[in-house]
C-alpha atoms as a PDB file:
ATOM      1  CA  MET A   1       0.000   0.000   0.000  1.00  0.00           C
ATOM      2  CA  VAL A   2       1.299   3.428  -1.007  1.00  0.00           C
ATOM      3  CA  ARG A   3       0.219   6.685   0.621  1.00  0.00           C
ATOM      4  CA  ILE A   4      -0.446   9.047  -2.288  1.00  0.00           C
ATOM      5  CA  GLY A   5      -0.877  12.791  -1.824  1.00  0.00           C
ATOM      6  CA  ILE A   6      -2.751  14.627  -4.557  1.00  0.00           C
ATOM      7  CA  VAL A   7      -1.926  18.199  -5.532  1.00  0.00           C
ATOM      8  CA  GLY A   8      -4.921  19.587  -7.392  1.00  0.00           C
ATOM      9  CA  SER A   9      -7.306  17.279  -5.538  1.00  0.00           C
ATOM     10  CA  GLU A  10     -10.444  19.263  -6.394  1.00  0.00           C
ATOM     11  CA  GLY A  11      -9.832  19.122 -10.142  1.00  0.00           C
ATOM     12  CA  ARG A  12     -11.222  16.473 -12.488  1.00  0.00           C
ATOM     13  CA  MET A  13      -8.075  14.370 -12.441  1.00  0.00           C
ATOM     14  CA  GLY A  14      -7.525  14.795  -8.711  1.00  0.00           C
ATOM     15  CA  GLN A  15     -11.012  13.534  -7.978  1.00  0.00           C
ATOM     16  CA  ALA A  16     -10.616  10.616 -10.391  1.00  0.00           C
ATOM     17  CA  ILE A  17      -7.362   9.524  -8.753  1.00  0.00           C
ATOM     18  CA  ALA A  18      -8.820   9.764  -5.241  1.00  0.00           C
ATOM     19  CA  ALA A  19     -11.799   7.647  -6.316  1.00  0.00           C
ATOM     20  CA  ILE A  20      -9.671   4.864  -7.811  1.00  0.00           C
ATOM     21  CA  LEU A  21      -7.082   4.471  -5.025  1.00  0.00           C
ATOM     22  CA  PRO A  22      -9.109   2.120  -2.728  1.00  0.00           C
ATOM     23  CA  GLU A  23      -9.706  -0.247  -5.644  1.00  0.00           C
ATOM     24  CA  LEU A  24      -5.952  -0.333  -6.321  1.00  0.00           C
ATOM     25  CA  GLY A  25      -5.074  -0.977  -2.692  1.00  0.00           C
ATOM     26  CA  HIS A  26      -3.483   2.411  -2.059  1.00  0.00           C
ATOM     27  CA  GLU A  27      -4.223   5.062   0.556  1.00  0.00           C
ATOM     28  CA  LEU A  28      -5.136   8.688  -0.054  1.00  0.00           C
ATOM     29  CA  ALA A  29      -2.729  10.624   2.166  1.00  0.00           C
ATOM     30  CA  GLY A  30      -4.673  13.814   1.539  1.00  0.00           C
ATOM     31  CA  GLY A  31      -5.057  16.539  -1.035  1.00  0.00           C
ATOM     32  CA  VAL A  32      -4.424  20.226  -1.502  1.00  0.00           C
ATOM     33  CA  ASP A  33      -5.420  22.874  -4.002  1.00  0.00           C
ATOM     34  CA  LYS A  34      -4.414  26.474  -4.619  1.00  0.00           C
ATOM     35  CA  GLY A  35      -3.310  28.031  -1.354  1.00  0.00           C
ATOM     36  CA  GLY A  36      -3.047  24.678   0.437  1.00  0.00           C
ATOM     37  CA  ASP A  37      -0.072  23.502   2.486  1.00  0.00           C
ATOM     38  CA  VAL A  38       1.673  21.204   0.015  1.00  0.00           C
ATOM     39  CA  ALA A  39       4.721  20.815   2.294  1.00  0.00           C
ATOM     40  CA  ARG A  40       2.530  19.367   5.037  1.00  0.00           C
ATOM     41  CA  LEU A  41       0.889  17.022   2.531  1.00  0.00           C
ATOM     42  CA  ALA A  42       4.312  15.865   1.328  1.00  0.00           C
ATOM     43  CA  ASP A  43       5.346  15.004   4.887  1.00  0.00           C
ATOM     44  CA  ALA A  44       2.288  12.736   5.209  1.00  0.00           C
ATOM     45  CA  SER A  45       2.795  10.991   1.841  1.00  0.00           C
ATOM     46  CA  ASP A  46       5.036   8.381   0.262  1.00  0.00           C
ATOM     47  CA  VAL A  47       4.686  10.075  -3.121  1.00  0.00           C
ATOM     48  CA  LEU A  48       2.972  13.159  -4.546  1.00  0.00           C
ATOM     49  CA  VAL A  49       0.886  13.276  -7.721  1.00  0.00           C
ATOM     50  CA  ASP A  50       0.526  16.744  -9.240  1.00  0.00           C
ATOM     51  CA  PHE A  51      -2.416  17.656 -11.471  1.00  0.00           C
ATOM     52  CA  SER A  52      -2.668  21.297 -10.457  1.00  0.00           C
ATOM     53  CA  SER A  53      -1.373  24.190 -12.591  1.00  0.00           C
ATOM     54  CA  PRO A  54       1.981  25.393 -13.934  1.00  0.00           C
ATOM     55  CA  GLY A  55       1.931  28.254 -11.437  1.00  0.00           C
ATOM     56  CA  SER A  56       1.996  25.779  -8.548  1.00  0.00           C
ATOM     57  CA  LEU A  57       4.846  23.660  -9.872  1.00  0.00           C
ATOM     58  CA  GLU A  58       7.721  25.391  -8.090  1.00  0.00           C
ATOM     59  CA  ALA A  59       6.119  24.985  -4.645  1.00  0.00           C
ATOM     60  CA  ASN A  60       5.343  21.341  -5.379  1.00  0.00           C
ATOM     61  CA  LEU A  61       8.928  20.636  -6.408  1.00  0.00           C
ATOM     62  CA  HIS A  62      10.243  22.265  -3.238  1.00  0.00           C
ATOM     63  CA  ALA A  63       7.828  20.206  -1.133  1.00  0.00           C
ATOM     64  CA  ALA A  64       9.024  16.967  -2.737  1.00  0.00           C
ATOM     65  CA  ILE A  65      12.648  17.860  -2.032  1.00  0.00           C
ATOM     66  CA  GLY A  66      11.838  18.905   1.527  1.00  0.00           C
ATOM     67  CA  ALA A  67      10.105  15.611   2.295  1.00  0.00           C
ATOM     68  CA  GLY A  68      12.539  13.528   0.247  1.00  0.00           C
ATOM     69  CA  ILE A  69       9.737  11.830  -1.705  1.00  0.00           C
ATOM     70  CA  PRO A  70       9.044  11.205  -5.405  1.00  0.00           C
ATOM     71  CA  LEU A  71       6.725  13.382  -7.476  1.00  0.00           C
ATOM     72  CA  ALA A  72       4.634  12.387 -10.500  1.00  0.00           C
ATOM     73  CA  ILE A  73       3.673  15.418 -12.603  1.00  0.00           C
ATOM     74  CA  GLY A  74       0.715  15.254 -14.971  1.00  0.00           C
ATOM     75  CA  THR A  75       0.128  19.005 -15.169  1.00  0.00           C
ATOM     76  CA  THR A  76       0.110  20.248 -18.772  1.00  0.00           C
ATOM     77  CA  GLY A  77       0.864  23.662 -20.245  1.00  0.00           C
ATOM     78  CA  LEU A  78       4.435  23.661 -18.905  1.00  0.00           C
ATOM     79  CA  GLU A  79       7.026  26.000 -20.381  1.00  0.00           C
ATOM     80  CA  GLU A  80      10.775  25.641 -20.778  1.00  0.00           C
ATOM     81  CA  ARG A  81      11.436  27.280 -17.393  1.00  0.00           C
ATOM     82  CA  HIS A  82       9.239  24.657 -15.737  1.00  0.00           C
ATOM     83  CA  HIS A  83      11.211  21.861 -17.368  1.00  0.00           C
ATOM     84  CA  ARG A  84      14.463  23.399 -16.169  1.00  0.00           C
ATOM     85  CA  ALA A  85      13.078  23.446 -12.617  1.00  0.00           C
ATOM     86  CA  ILE A  86      12.056  19.787 -12.966  1.00  0.00           C
ATOM     87  CA  ASP A  87      15.570  18.914 -14.168  1.00  0.00           C
ATOM     88  CA  ASP A  88      17.062  20.628 -11.111  1.00  0.00           C
ATOM     89  CA  THR A  89      14.700  18.835  -8.708  1.00  0.00           C
ATOM     90  CA  ALA A  90      15.361  15.467 -10.345  1.00  0.00           C
ATOM     91  CA  ARG A  91      18.939  15.649  -9.088  1.00  0.00           C
ATOM     92  CA  ALA A  92      17.566  15.232  -5.555  1.00  0.00           C
ATOM     93  CA  VAL A  93      14.422  13.076  -5.892  1.00  0.00           C
ATOM     94  CA  PRO A  94      12.813  10.881  -8.568  1.00  0.00           C
ATOM     95  CA  ILE A  95      10.455  12.863 -10.819  1.00  0.00           C
ATOM     96  CA  LEU A  96       8.121  11.477 -13.475  1.00  0.00           C
ATOM     97  CA  GLN A  97       6.700  14.094 -15.829  1.00  0.00           C
ATOM     98  CA  THR A  98       4.285  13.328 -18.633  1.00  0.00           C
ATOM     99  CA  GLY A  99       1.623  14.947 -20.766  1.00  0.00           C
ATOM    100  CA  ASN A 100      -0.552  11.857 -20.404  1.00  0.00           C
ATOM    101  CA  THR A 101      -0.662   9.041 -17.840  1.00  0.00           C
ATOM    102  CA  SER A 102      -2.602   6.605 -20.047  1.00  0.00           C
ATOM    103  CA  LEU A 103      -0.749   3.346 -20.620  1.00  0.00           C
ATOM    104  CA  GLY A 104      -2.337   3.174 -24.073  1.00  0.00           C
ATOM    105  CA  ILE A 105      -1.013   6.612 -25.034  1.00  0.00           C
ATOM    106  CA  THR A 106       2.407   5.636 -23.714  1.00  0.00           C
ATOM    107  CA  LEU A 107       2.511   2.643 -26.044  1.00  0.00           C
ATOM    108  CA  LEU A 108       1.070   4.734 -28.893  1.00  0.00           C
ATOM    109  CA  SER A 109       3.903   7.271 -28.560  1.00  0.00           C
ATOM    110  CA  HIS A 110       6.395   4.426 -28.848  1.00  0.00           C
ATOM    111  CA  LEU A 111       4.751   3.211 -32.052  1.00  0.00           C
ATOM    112  CA  VAL A 112       4.666   6.744 -33.486  1.00  0.00           C
ATOM    113  CA  GLN A 113       8.378   7.171 -32.830  1.00  0.00           C
ATOM    114  CA  GLU A 114       9.161   3.852 -34.471  1.00  0.00           C
ATOM    115  CA  ALA A 115       7.072   4.674 -37.544  1.00  0.00           C
ATOM    116  CA  ALA A 116       8.525   8.171 -37.907  1.00  0.00           C
ATOM    117  CA  ALA A 117      12.042   6.749 -37.705  1.00  0.00           C
ATOM    118  CA  ARG A 118      11.371   4.415 -40.623  1.00  0.00           C
ATOM    119  CA  LEU A 119       9.409   6.722 -42.916  1.00  0.00           C
ATOM    120  CA  GLY A 120      11.038   9.640 -44.697  1.00  0.00           C
ATOM    121  CA  GLU A 121      10.116  13.318 -44.599  1.00  0.00           C
ATOM    122  CA  ASP A 122       7.998  12.831 -47.691  1.00  0.00           C
ATOM    123  CA  TRP A 123       5.462  11.322 -45.253  1.00  0.00           C
ATOM    124  CA  ASP A 124       3.590  14.268 -43.742  1.00  0.00           C
ATOM    125  CA  ILE A 125       2.743  14.052 -40.030  1.00  0.00           C
ATOM    126  CA  GLU A 126      -0.421  15.661 -38.656  1.00  0.00           C
ATOM    127  CA  ILE A 127      -1.687  15.339 -35.069  1.00  0.00           C
ATOM    128  CA  VAL A 128      -5.378  15.956 -34.374  1.00  0.00           C
ATOM    129  CA  GLU A 129      -6.813  16.096 -30.859  1.00  0.00           C
ATOM    130  CA  MET A 130     -10.211  16.821 -29.319  1.00  0.00           C
ATOM    131  CA  HIS A 131     -11.098  17.526 -25.691  1.00  0.00           C
ATOM    132  CA  HIS A 132     -14.002  18.809 -23.623  1.00  0.00           C
ATOM    133  CA  ARG A 133     -15.019  22.461 -23.754  1.00  0.00           C
ATOM    134  CA  HIS A 134     -13.382  23.261 -20.398  1.00  0.00           C
ATOM    135  CA  LYS A 135      -9.800  22.434 -21.386  1.00  0.00           C
ATOM    136  CA  VAL A 136      -7.677  25.583 -21.279  1.00  0.00           C
ATOM    137  CA  ASP A 137      -4.459  24.666 -23.147  1.00  0.00           C
ATOM    138  CA  ALA A 138      -3.921  23.746 -26.782  1.00  0.00           C
ATOM    139  CA  PRO A 139      -2.460  21.692 -28.274  1.00  0.00           C
ATOM    140  CA  SER A 140      -3.004  19.228 -25.466  1.00  0.00           C
ATOM    141  CA  GLY A 141      -0.081  17.872 -23.496  1.00  0.00           C
ATOM    142  CA  THR A 142      -0.775  14.504 -25.080  1.00  0.00           C
ATOM    143  CA  ALA A 143      -0.650  15.925 -28.594  1.00  0.00           C
ATOM    144  CA  LEU A 144       2.700  17.520 -27.808  1.00  0.00           C
ATOM    145  CA  LEU A 145       3.911  14.241 -26.304  1.00  0.00           C
ATOM    146  CA  LEU A 146       3.034  12.484 -29.568  1.00  0.00           C
ATOM    147  CA  GLY A 147       4.682  15.261 -31.553  1.00  0.00           C
ATOM    148  CA  GLU A 148       7.850  14.864 -29.498  1.00  0.00           C
ATOM    149  CA  ALA A 149       7.771  11.134 -30.222  1.00  0.00           C
ATOM    150  CA  ALA A 150       7.534  11.796 -33.954  1.00  0.00           C
ATOM    151  CA  ALA A 151      10.344  14.351 -33.765  1.00  0.00           C
ATOM    152  CA  ARG A 152      12.582  11.931 -31.856  1.00  0.00           C
ATOM    153  CA  GLY A 153      11.963   9.322 -34.506  1.00  0.00           C
ATOM    154  CA  ARG A 154      13.140  11.743 -37.156  1.00  0.00           C
ATOM    155  CA  GLY A 155      16.053  13.006 -35.085  1.00  0.00           C
ATOM    156  CA  VAL A 156      14.820  16.617 -35.033  1.00  0.00           C
ATOM    157  CA  GLU A 157      13.581  19.123 -32.469  1.00  0.00           C
ATOM    158  CA  LEU A 158       9.802  19.546 -32.368  1.00  0.00           C
ATOM    159  CA  ALA A 159      10.185  23.291 -31.793  1.00  0.00           C
ATOM    160  CA  ASP A 160      11.879  23.559 -35.203  1.00  0.00           C
ATOM    161  CA  LYS A 161       9.212  21.551 -37.066  1.00  0.00           C
ATOM    162  CA  ARG A 162       5.937  22.377 -35.305  1.00  0.00           C
ATOM    163  CA  GLU A 163       3.054  23.948 -37.247  1.00  0.00           C
ATOM    164  CA  SER A 164      -0.340  24.833 -35.764  1.00  0.00           C
ATOM    165  CA  GLY A 165      -3.193  27.278 -36.123  1.00  0.00           C
ATOM    166  CA  ARG A 166      -3.234  27.370 -39.914  1.00  0.00           C
ATOM    167  CA  ASP A 167      -5.619  29.975 -41.269  1.00  0.00           C
ATOM    168  CA  GLY A 168      -6.004  31.915 -44.474  1.00  0.00           C
ATOM    169  CA  HIS A 169      -3.641  31.661 -47.464  1.00  0.00           C
ATOM    170  CA  THR A 170      -0.835  29.674 -45.829  1.00  0.00           C
ATOM    171  CA  GLY A 171       0.900  28.388 -48.924  1.00  0.00           C
ATOM    172  CA  GLU A 172       2.052  24.830 -49.444  1.00  0.00           C
ATOM    173  CA  ARG A 173       2.820  22.578 -46.529  1.00  0.00           C
ATOM    174  CA  VAL A 174       6.480  22.700 -45.484  1.00  0.00           C
ATOM    175  CA  GLN A 175       8.192  19.355 -45.989  1.00  0.00           C
ATOM    176  CA  GLY A 176       9.137  17.749 -42.685  1.00  0.00           C
ATOM    177  CA  ALA A 177       6.671  19.819 -40.646  1.00  0.00           C
ATOM    178  CA  ILE A 178       4.725  18.225 -37.792  1.00  0.00           C
ATOM    179  CA  GLY A 179       1.244  19.744 -37.790  1.00  0.00           C
ATOM    180  CA  PHE A 180      -1.237  20.140 -34.939  1.00  0.00           C
ATOM    181  CA  ALA A 181      -4.994  20.728 -34.925  1.00  0.00           C
ATOM    182  CA  ALA A 182      -6.971  21.187 -31.677  1.00  0.00           C
ATOM    183  CA  LEU A 183     -10.743  20.694 -31.405  1.00  0.00           C
ATOM    184  CA  ARG A 184     -12.828  21.564 -28.319  1.00  0.00           C
ATOM    185  CA  GLY A 185     -16.401  20.702 -27.401  1.00  0.00           C
ATOM    186  CA  GLY A 186     -18.800  18.741 -25.260  1.00  0.00           C
ATOM    187  CA  THR A 187     -17.519  16.323 -22.657  1.00  0.00           C
ATOM    188  CA  VAL A 188     -14.851  14.514 -24.695  1.00  0.00           C
ATOM    189  CA  ALA A 189     -12.281  12.981 -22.321  1.00  0.00           C
ATOM    190  CA  GLY A 190      -9.625  12.790 -25.027  1.00  0.00           C
ATOM    191  CA  GLU A 191      -9.268  11.805 -28.676  1.00  0.00           C
ATOM    192  CA  HIS A 192      -5.895  11.753 -30.422  1.00  0.00           C
ATOM    193  CA  SER A 193      -4.894  10.744 -33.936  1.00  0.00           C
ATOM    194  CA  VAL A 194      -1.468  10.804 -35.560  1.00  0.00           C
ATOM    195  CA  ILE A 195      -1.791  10.769 -39.332  1.00  0.00           C
ATOM    196  CA  MET A 196       1.206   9.907 -41.502  1.00  0.00           C
ATOM    197  CA  ALA A 197       0.326  10.687 -45.093  1.00  0.00           C
ATOM    198  CA  GLY A 198       2.522   9.505 -47.939  1.00  0.00           C
ATOM    199  CA  ALA A 199       2.013   9.244 -51.682  1.00  0.00           C
ATOM    200  CA  GLN A 200      -1.198   7.260 -52.293  1.00  0.00           C
ATOM    201  CA  GLU A 201      -1.147   5.759 -48.788  1.00  0.00           C
ATOM    202  CA  ARG A 202      -1.830   6.855 -45.243  1.00  0.00           C
ATOM    203  CA  LEU A 203      -1.243   5.497 -41.741  1.00  0.00           C
ATOM    204  CA  THR A 204      -3.403   6.571 -38.801  1.00  0.00           C
ATOM    205  CA  PHE A 205      -2.521   5.863 -35.183  1.00  0.00           C
ATOM    206  CA  ALA A 206      -5.399   6.662 -32.842  1.00  0.00           C
ATOM    207  CA  HIS A 207      -6.376   6.537 -29.179  1.00  0.00           C
ATOM    208  CA  SER A 208      -9.770   7.181 -27.586  1.00  0.00           C
ATOM    209  CA  ALA A 209     -10.195   7.827 -23.873  1.00  0.00           C
ATOM    210  CA  GLU A 210     -13.644   6.610 -22.866  1.00  0.00           C
ATOM    211  CA  ASP A 211     -13.375   7.586 -19.214  1.00  0.00           C
ATOM    212  CA  ARG A 212     -11.050   9.712 -17.088  1.00  0.00           C
ATOM    213  CA  SER A 213     -10.376   6.689 -14.873  1.00  0.00           C
ATOM    214  CA  ILE A 214      -7.810   5.389 -17.385  1.00  0.00           C
ATOM    215  CA  PHE A 215      -5.615   8.401 -16.630  1.00  0.00           C
ATOM    216  CA  ALA A 216      -6.172   7.972 -12.899  1.00  0.00           C
ATOM    217  CA  ARG A 217      -5.079   4.322 -13.073  1.00  0.00           C
ATOM    218  CA  GLY A 218      -1.984   5.266 -15.031  1.00  0.00           C
ATOM    219  CA  ALA A 219      -1.120   8.051 -12.587  1.00  0.00           C
ATOM    220  CA  ALA A 220      -1.450   5.673  -9.637  1.00  0.00           C
ATOM    221  CA  ARG A 221       0.728   3.107 -11.386  1.00  0.00           C
ATOM    222  CA  ALA A 222       3.342   5.777 -12.093  1.00  0.00           C
ATOM    223  CA  ALA A 223       3.296   6.906  -8.463  1.00  0.00           C
ATOM    224  CA  GLU A 224       3.711   3.339  -7.236  1.00  0.00           C
ATOM    225  CA  TRP A 225       6.530   2.721  -9.729  1.00  0.00           C
ATOM    226  CA  LEU A 226       8.474   5.772  -8.474  1.00  0.00           C
ATOM    227  CA  ILE A 227       8.797   4.418  -4.946  1.00  0.00           C
ATOM    228  CA  GLY A 228      12.391   3.365  -4.297  1.00  0.00           C
ATOM    229  CA  ARG A 229      13.764   4.783  -7.567  1.00  0.00           C
ATOM    230  CA  ASN A 230      17.005   6.718  -7.681  1.00  0.00           C
ATOM    231  CA  PRO A 231      16.833  10.497  -8.180  1.00  0.00           C
ATOM    232  CA  GLY A 232      16.321  11.287 -11.829  1.00  0.00           C
ATOM    233  CA  ARG A 233      13.795  12.311 -14.429  1.00  0.00           C
ATOM    234  CA  TYR A 234      11.472   9.597 -15.692  1.00  0.00           C
ATOM    235  CA  THR A 235       8.539   9.219 -18.100  1.00  0.00           C
ATOM    236  CA  MET A 236       5.656   6.802 -18.552  1.00  0.00           C
ATOM    237  CA  ARG A 237       7.838   4.978 -21.083  1.00  0.00           C
ATOM    238  CA  ASP A 238      10.078   3.965 -18.175  1.00  0.00           C
ATOM    239  CA  VAL A 239       7.048   2.558 -16.346  1.00  0.00           C
ATOM    240  CA  LEU A 240       6.303   0.297 -19.319  1.00  0.00           C
ATOM    241  CA  GLU A 241      10.025  -0.376 -19.895  1.00  0.00           C
ATOM    242  CA  LEU A 242       9.873   0.846 -23.489  1.00  0.00           C
END
C-alpha cells in the first residue's frame, strides 16, 4: 500500500485519482489545491501526484525535495522554465513528468516514434486532438507528447518543425513539418490521432479515452513505480520499460 498525496485534488483528475485508489489498494494521504499547504501534505505521503497548474509547480517541487519523496507530474501547459526546474529537482528526488498518464497513449507514442524513424520526410505528419469544452491549453499535453515522439523518430527538435493554427492563405505545406490541430467541445475525455500521409497511402494511429479513470489508473501506477527509484527524471515509457 502506497500513501499518495494529490496536488490539485479538487480538479477532475484529482477527484478521479482519489476515487480509484481504494480499488488499487493504495491510501489517499490527503489533497491540496491552490493556497493549500503542500509541504505538510508531502510530509504525510510516500509520493505526490501533481495535477494542479503550472503556477503551482515550483512549490510542489520544493515540497518533494523537503520531504525527500518522489513526485509524478501530470500538469500540462508547462514551459521551458518549468522543465528546467524539474531537471534541477530530479537531481535530488525521482520525478516522473508526462503529458498523459494513459498506458495506451504511452505505447502509442512508442509506435509513433518507431514509424517516424522508418518513414522519410515525404510522409507528412499531422496530429489531431479533441477535448471537452473546459480544457484551457492547446495543443493538449498529449498531442505535444506524440509530436515529441515523432520528432525523436526523425532526429529533429519539435520546436523547429511544429506547425499549428493554420488559417487563411498559408501556402504549401512545409516538408518535414509536424502539424497540430486542436478541437474543443462537449464532454470529450480525449481523442488523439497521428496521421502519416505519404504518396497514395496513409497510416493513422489513434487513441480514444472513454473515461477519465484510465488516466487515474496510469497516474497511480506511475506513483507506485516511483517508490524506491534513484533520483532522476522519468517518463511513462520507463514505467512500461519501453
